[in-house]
Amino acid sequence: MSAPLAERLARAQPVRMAREALAGTQGGAWLVGGVVRDALLARPLGDVDIVVEEDPRAAARRIARAVGGPAFPLSDEFGAWRALDRGRGFSCDVSPLRGATIEEDLRCRDFTVNAVAVPLGGGEPIDPAGGVADLERGVLRVLGPGAYAADPLRPLRLVRLHAELGLVPDPETERLTLDAAARLGEPSPERVFAELRRLLVAPGAVAGLELAERLGVLGAVLPEVAALRGVEQSRFHHLDVYEHTLEVLRRQIELEGRLDELFGELGPPLRALLEEPLADELTRLQALRLGALFHDVAKPDTRGIRPDGKVTFIGHDFAGEEMVAQIFRRLRTSERLRTFVGALARHHLVLGFLVRERPLSAAAVYSYLKRCAPVEVEVTVLSCADRLATRGESFEVAIAAHLELASELMGPALKWRAEGPPKPPVRGDELAAALAMEPGPELGHLLGRLEQAAYTGEAATRDDALALARRLREDQRT
């Protein structure tokens, strides 16, 4: 084995733990798949895949005992087991040898770059399909049409690997992927979403989506996004809805490194909040990429043309929230992620409309935060990416004004997130008793108005609140 490869594998703690746990066992054991590929690419090494000649259950349990974690079956069909090291945050998947030799096993895999093995105890790479040479050339090559026939998810995995590694499929692989993309409806929605999630958080997410669209993969898994192609917009846009969507995603990824620049001293606390885990193994910051991808998903269904020729998309924000719910249910994501991305679609226009009302009153700020909660922070960031991607008529002035307002609103948004909405200085039962009111919509409306008054300082005390409530009721009667 080449010294750099051997050294990289030896330095990886999961590899060392697996070697120690399986030392002296009967039968062969090989590192395979991503850990070998990433070591060859000098990428950070994480989870480990091992193929063993002996019982994978016994091997996984030995590794689990060594790391103090659990072991459990992954696949009844293939007999794979997983050992978890929760403390260090890595997993080790152990699979039985497919075929009589490791070479036969490797020929059953998906792409040549994943079909390289290294003996667990050390030794030269085993590379029957030329994966090492493909890595050196930056090529992604499928192991023939049988690889796609064996697992219909692999065309989506191809574009995910392109997004993660920057490897480019060769012409024959592109042809086979085009032919196989139609079967992407067969794998479970959970497996499909797992690949989509990894694609979207990859460094080359936009390039991955572009390749997915060109090879028919996007249309097979997200037809609603593919349908954005060719939907023309108004003079304030320079791109159709599909290209605009990719540009918003590109700008959102760019903003991840510009939070301090755009929001000044609020940048660090904003980043800390956005890096909190949200759902489905995504942080809030990563989930914003999904918000960028789906924010205009309802535009084809809401497109209209006025008598003066102006293109409109009236209601695409509300319709977008409904479409996100349908798509994410189809993909079987968590409800938390579904509602988060849906709320981003619903509220992504709100800040843009407020630009014309600057300077904002305290009541207008309250209205913005109340309306956009619980995504008041995140949608403020997403709206900046949307505005930066919109470069039609008079875009320079519009972008500058939008970014200034977003910066002004970020402080109140972060405070709202930390403290919650203001509480009226009088309880509902106290208000009902003081005004001789029955519980109902009118009382709820008054309490909402008093909450706003508490935020703006209009009614900071109980007496102020009761006086305001009496005036509001009197105004309604006159």
Foldseek 3Di string as FASTA:
>chain_A
DDPQLVVLLVPDVLLVLLCVLCPPPDWFKKWFFPQSLCSLVVHDHAETEMETQDQQQVSLVSSQVSLVFDKDFDDPVFNKIKRDNVVVGYIYIYTYQDDDDLQVSLLLAFWQSRSWIATSVGDDIDRPPCNSVLVVVLETETSDLVNCVVPLCVLLVVLLCCLAPVRYYDPVRLVSSLVSLLCNVPDALQVNVVSLLSLLLHNRNLSSVVSCLVSVNCCNQPVLLNVQPPQCAFLQAPDGRNVLLSQLLVLLVVVLVCQCVLQPPCSVVLNVQQQPCFFPPDGNSSLLSVLSSQLQSCQVVQWDADPVGHIDRPPSLVVSLVVLLVSCVSSPTDPRSSNQSSLLSNLLCPLLVCLVVPPDALLRLVVQLVSSPPCSQSSLSSNLSSLVSRHGPPSVVSSVSSSVVSSVSNVVNVVCNVPNQAFQQDDLVRLCVVVVHDDDDLSVVLRVVSSSCCRNVQQVHPVSSSVVSVVVVVVVVD
